[in-house]
Amino acid sequence: MEHTEGLGRLAEVWVDGTLLSVCDGVSRADRPTGPGVMEGVRLQYVSQQGVSLARAAGENRGKKKYLDPVRQWTYVGYGQVVSIMPVVVDFGLLRMEDANWTTDESLLGQYVAVPIDRLEIAPSNEPDWPEEIT
């Protein structure tokens, strides 16, 4: 973490020498996270319009892998689908899971362009479902 304005606000984080603007999902509500190396976090993205991966595949014919900044924490992500169930896209700088699920194996290896409305840093240990009580 380089700098943050606080939880749910703009933050700057370094990833392999690249400074990214993200939404802070890791600070406490009463105290912004200070600068420094962070562990137990991940980068994830939200595409509010939803993404048709089949259509997205037609929008990256140049086979690019990078995050193209648009404004604040908004990007266009150019990458390659490296797995399905869950869908994981390799954007070069990092790999992120896409919220869209598919069983279409023809997407494996396809290069896609994904509109990223909000790139965010979040705890990596969030369960996807409630834990069982024993």
N, C-alpha and C. Protein backbone atom coordinates (compact mmCIF):
# COMPACT_ATOMS: atom_id res chain seq x y z
N MET A 1 0.86 -1.17 0.00
CA MET A 1 0.00 0.00 0.00
C MET A 1 0.91 1.23 0.00
N GLU A 2 0.66 2.08 -0.95
CA GLU A 2 1.39 3.34 -1.01
C GLU A 2 0.64 4.43 -0.24
N HIS A 3 -0.68 4.50 -0.50
CA HIS A 3 -1.49 5.54 0.12
C HIS A 3 -2.96 5.15 -0.01
N THR A 4 -3.77 5.57 0.97
CA THR A 4 -5.21 5.35 0.88
C THR A 4 -5.95 6.53 1.49
N GLU A 5 -7.12 6.80 0.94
CA GLU A 5 -8.01 7.81 1.50
C GLU A 5 -8.97 7.17 2.50
N GLY A 6 -8.90 5.84 2.66
CA GLY A 6 -9.74 5.13 3.63
C GLY A 6 -10.64 4.10 2.98
N LEU A 7 -11.32 3.35 3.82
CA LEU A 7 -12.19 2.26 3.39
C LEU A 7 -13.22 2.74 2.37
N GLY A 8 -13.28 2.04 1.23
CA GLY A 8 -14.23 2.37 0.17
C GLY A 8 -13.83 3.56 -0.67
N ARG A 9 -12.62 4.05 -0.44
CA ARG A 9 -12.15 5.23 -1.18
C ARG A 9 -10.90 4.88 -1.97
N LEU A 10 -10.38 5.85 -2.66
CA LEU A 10 -9.23 5.64 -3.54
C LEU A 10 -7.97 5.29 -2.76
N ALA A 11 -7.26 4.29 -3.27
CA ALA A 11 -5.97 3.88 -2.70
C ALA A 11 -5.01 3.64 -3.86
N GLU A 12 -3.73 3.70 -3.54
CA GLU A 12 -2.69 3.39 -4.52
C GLU A 12 -1.87 2.23 -3.98
N VAL A 13 -1.69 1.21 -4.81
CA VAL A 13 -0.91 0.05 -4.41
C VAL A 13 0.11 -0.28 -5.49
N TRP A 14 1.24 -0.77 -5.06
CA TRP A 14 2.29 -1.22 -5.99
C TRP A 14 2.14 -2.71 -6.23
N VAL A 15 2.19 -3.11 -7.49
CA VAL A 15 2.19 -4.52 -7.87
C VAL A 15 3.34 -4.71 -8.85
N ASP A 16 4.36 -5.42 -8.42
CA ASP A 16 5.52 -5.68 -9.28
C ASP A 16 6.04 -4.42 -9.98
N GLY A 17 6.19 -3.34 -9.22
CA GLY A 17 6.75 -2.11 -9.76
C GLY A 17 5.78 -1.22 -10.51
N THR A 18 4.49 -1.60 -10.55
CA THR A 18 3.46 -0.80 -11.22
C THR A 18 2.50 -0.24 -10.18
N LEU A 19 2.30 1.07 -10.21
CA LEU A 19 1.38 1.71 -9.27
C LEU A 19 -0.03 1.67 -9.84
N LEU A 20 -0.96 1.05 -9.09
CA LEU A 20 -2.35 0.93 -9.51
C LEU A 20 -3.25 1.74 -8.58
N SER A 21 -4.27 2.36 -9.14
CA SER A 21 -5.30 3.04 -8.36
C SER A 21 -6.44 2.04 -8.15
N VAL A 22 -6.82 1.83 -6.90
CA VAL A 22 -7.81 0.82 -6.55
C VAL A 22 -8.78 1.36 -5.51
N CYS A 23 -9.86 0.64 -5.29
CA CYS A 23 -10.78 0.92 -4.21
C CYS A 23 -10.28 0.18 -2.97
N ASP A 24 -10.18 0.88 -1.86
CA ASP A 24 -9.67 0.29 -0.62
C ASP A 24 -10.77 -0.53 0.05
N GLY A 25 -10.57 -1.83 0.09
CA GLY A 25 -11.50 -2.73 0.77
C GLY A 25 -10.85 -3.42 1.95
N VAL A 26 -9.71 -2.90 2.43
CA VAL A 26 -8.99 -3.55 3.52
C VAL A 26 -8.80 -2.68 4.76
N SER A 27 -8.93 -1.38 4.63
CA SER A 27 -8.76 -0.51 5.79
C SER A 27 -9.91 -0.71 6.76
N ARG A 28 -9.67 -0.39 8.01
CA ARG A 28 -10.76 -0.38 8.99
C ARG A 28 -11.52 0.93 8.80
N ALA A 29 -12.80 0.92 9.13
CA ALA A 29 -13.64 2.10 8.95
C ALA A 29 -13.11 3.30 9.74
N ASP A 30 -12.48 3.02 10.87
CA ASP A 30 -11.99 4.11 11.73
C ASP A 30 -10.51 4.42 11.55
N ARG A 31 -9.82 3.64 10.67
CA ARG A 31 -8.39 3.88 10.51
C ARG A 31 -7.89 3.37 9.16
N PRO A 32 -7.45 4.29 8.29
CA PRO A 32 -6.88 3.87 7.01
C PRO A 32 -5.60 3.06 7.21
N THR A 33 -5.37 2.12 6.33
CA THR A 33 -4.16 1.31 6.36
C THR A 33 -2.96 2.19 6.01
N GLY A 34 -1.90 2.02 6.74
CA GLY A 34 -0.69 2.79 6.48
C GLY A 34 0.10 2.21 5.32
N PRO A 35 1.08 2.95 4.85
CA PRO A 35 1.92 2.46 3.75
C PRO A 35 2.72 1.23 4.19
N GLY A 36 3.02 0.38 3.23
CA GLY A 36 3.85 -0.78 3.51
C GLY A 36 3.38 -2.01 2.76
N VAL A 37 4.16 -3.07 2.94
CA VAL A 37 3.86 -4.36 2.30
C VAL A 37 2.64 -4.96 2.98
N MET A 38 1.73 -5.49 2.17
CA MET A 38 0.51 -6.08 2.71
C MET A 38 0.49 -7.58 2.42
N GLU A 39 0.04 -8.35 3.38
CA GLU A 39 -0.12 -9.79 3.21
C GLU A 39 -1.59 -10.12 3.43
N GLY A 40 -2.03 -11.24 2.87
CA GLY A 40 -3.41 -11.68 3.05
C GLY A 40 -4.42 -10.82 2.30
N VAL A 41 -3.99 -10.26 1.16
CA VAL A 41 -4.89 -9.45 0.34
C VAL A 41 -4.85 -9.96 -1.10
N ARG A 42 -5.86 -9.56 -1.85
CA ARG A 42 -5.90 -9.90 -3.27
C ARG A 42 -6.51 -8.73 -4.02
N LEU A 43 -6.24 -8.68 -5.31
CA LEU A 43 -6.91 -7.71 -6.17
C LEU A 43 -8.04 -8.43 -6.89
N GLN A 44 -9.17 -7.76 -6.97
CA GLN A 44 -10.33 -8.30 -7.67
C GLN A 44 -11.01 -7.16 -8.40
N TYR A 45 -11.93 -7.51 -9.29
CA TYR A 45 -12.59 -6.44 -10.03
C TYR A 45 -14.08 -6.66 -10.13
N VAL A 46 -14.77 -5.53 -10.37
CA VAL A 46 -16.21 -5.53 -10.55
C VAL A 46 -16.49 -4.93 -11.93
N SER A 47 -17.31 -5.64 -12.69
CA SER A 47 -17.80 -5.13 -13.97
C SER A 47 -19.31 -5.02 -13.83
N GLN A 48 -19.80 -3.83 -13.59
CA GLN A 48 -21.20 -3.65 -13.25
C GLN A 48 -22.16 -4.00 -14.37
N GLN A 49 -21.76 -3.87 -15.61
CA GLN A 49 -22.64 -4.19 -16.72
C GLN A 49 -22.68 -5.68 -17.01
N GLY A 50 -21.82 -6.43 -16.40
CA GLY A 50 -21.70 -7.84 -16.75
C GLY A 50 -20.91 -7.96 -18.04
N VAL A 51 -20.25 -9.06 -18.21
CA VAL A 51 -19.39 -9.24 -19.38
C VAL A 51 -19.75 -10.53 -20.08
N SER A 52 -20.00 -10.45 -21.36
CA SER A 52 -20.14 -11.65 -22.18
C SER A 52 -18.72 -12.03 -22.60
N LEU A 53 -18.22 -13.12 -22.05
CA LEU A 53 -16.85 -13.52 -22.37
C LEU A 53 -16.69 -13.83 -23.85
N ALA A 54 -17.74 -14.35 -24.48
CA ALA A 54 -17.66 -14.62 -25.92
C ALA A 54 -17.47 -13.32 -26.70
N ARG A 55 -18.22 -12.27 -26.29
CA ARG A 55 -18.07 -10.97 -26.97
C ARG A 55 -16.72 -10.34 -26.62
N ALA A 56 -16.32 -10.49 -25.35
CA ALA A 56 -15.05 -9.91 -24.90
C ALA A 56 -13.88 -10.52 -25.67
N ALA A 57 -14.02 -11.78 -26.09
CA ALA A 57 -12.95 -12.44 -26.84
C ALA A 57 -12.72 -11.77 -28.18
N GLY A 58 -13.74 -11.20 -28.76
CA GLY A 58 -13.60 -10.53 -30.04
C GLY A 58 -13.00 -9.14 -29.95
N GLU A 59 -12.80 -8.66 -28.72
CA GLU A 59 -12.33 -7.29 -28.52
C GLU A 59 -10.85 -7.20 -28.16
N ASN A 60 -10.13 -8.31 -28.24
CA ASN A 60 -8.70 -8.31 -27.96
C ASN A 60 -7.97 -9.12 -29.01
N ARG A 61 -8.16 -8.72 -30.25
CA ARG A 61 -7.52 -9.45 -31.35
C ARG A 61 -6.01 -9.29 -31.36
N GLY A 62 -5.49 -8.26 -30.68
CA GLY A 62 -4.05 -8.04 -30.62
C GLY A 62 -3.35 -8.90 -29.58
N LYS A 63 -4.11 -9.73 -28.85
CA LYS A 63 -3.57 -10.63 -27.83
C LYS A 63 -2.74 -9.88 -26.79
N LYS A 64 -3.30 -8.76 -26.32
CA LYS A 64 -2.62 -7.93 -25.32
C LYS A 64 -2.88 -8.47 -23.92
N LYS A 65 -1.94 -8.20 -23.01
CA LYS A 65 -2.09 -8.54 -21.60
C LYS A 65 -1.63 -7.34 -20.78
N TYR A 66 -2.57 -6.53 -20.37
CA TYR A 66 -2.25 -5.41 -19.48
C TYR A 66 -3.53 -4.75 -18.99
N LEU A 67 -3.39 -3.92 -17.97
CA LEU A 67 -4.51 -3.13 -17.46
C LEU A 67 -4.34 -1.71 -17.98
N ASP A 68 -5.31 -1.25 -18.75
CA ASP A 68 -5.27 0.07 -19.35
C ASP A 68 -6.11 1.02 -18.48
N PRO A 69 -5.48 1.97 -17.78
CA PRO A 69 -6.24 2.86 -16.91
C PRO A 69 -7.17 3.78 -17.70
N VAL A 70 -8.39 3.95 -17.20
CA VAL A 70 -9.37 4.84 -17.81
C VAL A 70 -9.50 6.09 -16.94
N ARG A 71 -9.83 5.91 -15.67
CA ARG A 71 -9.89 6.99 -14.68
C ARG A 71 -10.00 6.35 -13.31
N GLN A 72 -9.53 7.05 -12.31
CA GLN A 72 -9.57 6.61 -10.91
C GLN A 72 -9.27 5.11 -10.82
N TRP A 73 -10.21 4.25 -10.43
CA TRP A 73 -9.97 2.82 -10.31
C TRP A 73 -10.62 2.02 -11.44
N THR A 74 -10.95 2.71 -12.52
CA THR A 74 -11.57 2.09 -13.69
C THR A 74 -10.50 1.78 -14.74
N TYR A 75 -10.59 0.57 -15.30
CA TYR A 75 -9.61 0.10 -16.29
C TYR A 75 -10.33 -0.67 -17.40
N VAL A 76 -9.61 -0.90 -18.47
CA VAL A 76 -9.97 -1.96 -19.41
C VAL A 76 -8.87 -2.99 -19.24
N GLY A 77 -9.28 -4.21 -18.92
CA GLY A 77 -8.31 -5.28 -18.72
C GLY A 77 -8.19 -6.12 -19.97
N TYR A 78 -6.99 -6.21 -20.50
CA TYR A 78 -6.71 -7.05 -21.66
C TYR A 78 -5.96 -8.28 -21.16
N GLY A 79 -6.49 -9.46 -21.45
CA GLY A 79 -5.84 -10.65 -20.95
C GLY A 79 -6.29 -11.91 -21.65
N GLN A 80 -5.87 -13.03 -21.07
CA GLN A 80 -6.13 -14.34 -21.65
C GLN A 80 -6.83 -15.21 -20.61
N VAL A 81 -7.89 -15.89 -21.03
CA VAL A 81 -8.60 -16.81 -20.14
C VAL A 81 -7.72 -18.04 -19.93
N VAL A 82 -7.37 -18.31 -18.66
CA VAL A 82 -6.48 -19.43 -18.37
C VAL A 82 -7.19 -20.57 -17.65
N SER A 83 -8.42 -20.33 -17.17
CA SER A 83 -9.21 -21.43 -16.60
C SER A 83 -10.68 -21.04 -16.60
N ILE A 84 -11.53 -22.07 -16.49
CA ILE A 84 -12.96 -21.86 -16.33
C ILE A 84 -13.38 -22.63 -15.08
N MET A 85 -14.50 -22.25 -14.52
CA MET A 85 -15.05 -22.87 -13.30
C MET A 85 -14.04 -22.87 -12.17
N PRO A 86 -13.56 -21.76 -11.68
CA PRO A 86 -13.95 -20.41 -12.03
C PRO A 86 -13.15 -19.88 -13.23
N VAL A 87 -13.70 -18.83 -13.83
CA VAL A 87 -13.00 -18.17 -14.93
C VAL A 87 -11.88 -17.33 -14.32
N VAL A 88 -10.65 -17.55 -14.78
CA VAL A 88 -9.50 -16.76 -14.35
C VAL A 88 -8.87 -16.16 -15.60
N VAL A 89 -8.61 -14.85 -15.53
CA VAL A 89 -8.02 -14.14 -16.65
C VAL A 89 -6.62 -13.68 -16.25
N ASP A 90 -5.65 -13.97 -17.12
CA ASP A 90 -4.27 -13.53 -16.92
C ASP A 90 -4.11 -12.18 -17.62
N PHE A 91 -3.96 -11.11 -16.82
CA PHE A 91 -3.80 -9.77 -17.36
C PHE A 91 -2.33 -9.37 -17.47
N GLY A 92 -1.43 -10.34 -17.38
CA GLY A 92 0.00 -10.05 -17.47
C GLY A 92 0.57 -9.68 -16.11
N LEU A 93 0.16 -8.54 -15.59
CA LEU A 93 0.63 -8.09 -14.28
C LEU A 93 0.09 -8.96 -13.17
N LEU A 94 -1.13 -9.46 -13.32
CA LEU A 94 -1.74 -10.31 -12.33
C LEU A 94 -2.86 -11.13 -12.94
N ARG A 95 -3.24 -12.17 -12.22
CA ARG A 95 -4.36 -13.01 -12.62
C ARG A 95 -5.51 -12.75 -11.66
N MET A 96 -6.71 -12.60 -12.23
CA MET A 96 -7.88 -12.36 -11.38
C MET A 96 -9.03 -13.22 -11.83
N GLU A 97 -9.86 -13.58 -10.86
CA GLU A 97 -11.06 -14.36 -11.13
C GLU A 97 -12.15 -13.43 -11.63
N ASP A 98 -12.86 -13.87 -12.66
CA ASP A 98 -13.98 -13.12 -13.19
C ASP A 98 -15.25 -13.59 -12.50
N ALA A 99 -16.18 -12.67 -12.26
CA ALA A 99 -17.43 -13.01 -11.57
C ALA A 99 -18.35 -13.86 -12.44
N ASN A 100 -18.14 -13.85 -13.74
CA ASN A 100 -18.98 -14.63 -14.65
C ASN A 100 -18.51 -16.08 -14.68
N TRP A 101 -19.46 -16.98 -14.57
CA TRP A 101 -19.14 -18.41 -14.62
C TRP A 101 -19.52 -18.96 -15.98
N THR A 102 -18.77 -19.93 -16.43
CA THR A 102 -19.08 -20.58 -17.70
C THR A 102 -18.52 -22.00 -17.68
N THR A 103 -19.09 -22.84 -18.50
CA THR A 103 -18.56 -24.18 -18.72
C THR A 103 -18.04 -24.31 -20.14
N ASP A 104 -18.01 -23.20 -20.86
CA ASP A 104 -17.59 -23.17 -22.26
C ASP A 104 -16.08 -23.29 -22.38
N GLU A 105 -15.61 -24.51 -22.60
CA GLU A 105 -14.17 -24.76 -22.67
C GLU A 105 -13.51 -24.11 -23.87
N SER A 106 -14.30 -23.69 -24.86
CA SER A 106 -13.71 -23.03 -26.03
C SER A 106 -13.12 -21.66 -25.66
N LEU A 107 -13.48 -21.14 -24.49
CA LEU A 107 -12.92 -19.85 -24.05
C LEU A 107 -11.49 -19.98 -23.53
N LEU A 108 -11.09 -21.19 -23.15
CA LEU A 108 -9.72 -21.39 -22.66
C LEU A 108 -8.71 -20.95 -23.71
N GLY A 109 -7.80 -20.10 -23.31
CA GLY A 109 -6.78 -19.60 -24.23
C GLY A 109 -7.19 -18.37 -25.01
N GLN A 110 -8.48 -18.01 -24.97
CA GLN A 110 -8.97 -16.84 -25.70
C GLN A 110 -8.46 -15.55 -25.04
N TYR A 111 -8.15 -14.58 -25.87
CA TYR A 111 -7.76 -13.26 -25.39
C TYR A 111 -9.01 -12.40 -25.31
N VAL A 112 -9.18 -11.71 -24.19
CA VAL A 112 -10.41 -10.94 -23.94
C VAL A 112 -10.08 -9.51 -23.54
N ALA A 113 -11.07 -8.64 -23.70
CA ALA A 113 -11.02 -7.27 -23.18
C ALA A 113 -12.18 -7.14 -22.21
N VAL A 114 -11.88 -6.84 -20.95
CA VAL A 114 -12.89 -6.80 -19.90
C VAL A 114 -12.99 -5.38 -19.35
N PRO A 115 -14.20 -4.78 -19.36
CA PRO A 115 -14.36 -3.47 -18.72
C PRO A 115 -14.35 -3.66 -17.21
N ILE A 116 -13.43 -2.98 -16.54
CA ILE A 116 -13.31 -3.07 -15.08
C ILE A 116 -13.80 -1.75 -14.51
N ASP A 117 -15.00 -1.78 -13.93
CA ASP A 117 -15.57 -0.57 -13.35
C ASP A 117 -14.90 -0.20 -12.04
N ARG A 118 -14.47 -1.22 -11.30
CA ARG A 118 -13.80 -0.96 -10.03
C ARG A 118 -12.78 -2.05 -9.74
N LEU A 119 -11.50 -1.69 -9.75
CA LEU A 119 -10.44 -2.58 -9.32
C LEU A 119 -10.29 -2.35 -7.82
N GLU A 120 -10.32 -3.42 -7.04
CA GLU A 120 -10.27 -3.23 -5.59
C GLU A 120 -9.31 -4.19 -4.91
N ILE A 121 -8.81 -3.75 -3.78
CA ILE A 121 -7.97 -4.59 -2.93
C ILE A 121 -8.86 -5.07 -1.80
N ALA A 122 -8.82 -6.37 -1.52
CA ALA A 122 -9.71 -6.97 -0.53
C ALA A 122 -8.96 -8.06 0.23
N PRO A 123 -9.46 -8.43 1.40
CA PRO A 123 -8.83 -9.55 2.12
C PRO A 123 -8.91 -10.82 1.28
N SER A 124 -7.85 -11.61 1.29
CA SER A 124 -7.84 -12.83 0.47
C SER A 124 -8.50 -14.00 1.16
N ASN A 125 -8.83 -13.86 2.41
CA ASN A 125 -9.39 -14.99 3.15
C ASN A 125 -10.89 -14.92 3.31
N GLU A 126 -11.58 -14.16 2.47
CA GLU A 126 -13.03 -14.09 2.56
C GLU A 126 -13.63 -15.39 2.03
N PRO A 127 -14.45 -16.09 2.84
CA PRO A 127 -15.09 -17.29 2.31
C PRO A 127 -16.21 -16.92 1.35
N ASP A 128 -16.44 -17.76 0.36
CA ASP A 128 -17.51 -17.52 -0.61
C ASP A 128 -18.86 -17.99 -0.08
N TRP A 129 -18.86 -18.73 1.00
CA TRP A 129 -20.09 -19.25 1.58
C TRP A 129 -19.92 -19.27 3.11
N PRO A 130 -21.01 -19.33 3.86
CA PRO A 130 -20.88 -19.37 5.32
C PRO A 130 -20.17 -20.64 5.76
N GLU A 131 -19.33 -20.49 6.76
CA GLU A 131 -18.62 -21.66 7.29
C GLU A 131 -19.60 -22.51 8.07
N GLU A 132 -19.37 -23.84 8.05
CA GLU A 132 -20.21 -24.73 8.81
C GLU A 132 -19.90 -24.62 10.29
N ILE A 133 -20.92 -24.68 11.10
CA ILE A 133 -20.75 -24.64 12.55
C ILE A 133 -20.70 -26.08 13.04
N THR A 134 -19.66 -26.42 13.79
CA THR A 134 -19.54 -27.77 14.30
C THR A 134 -19.73 -27.83 15.78
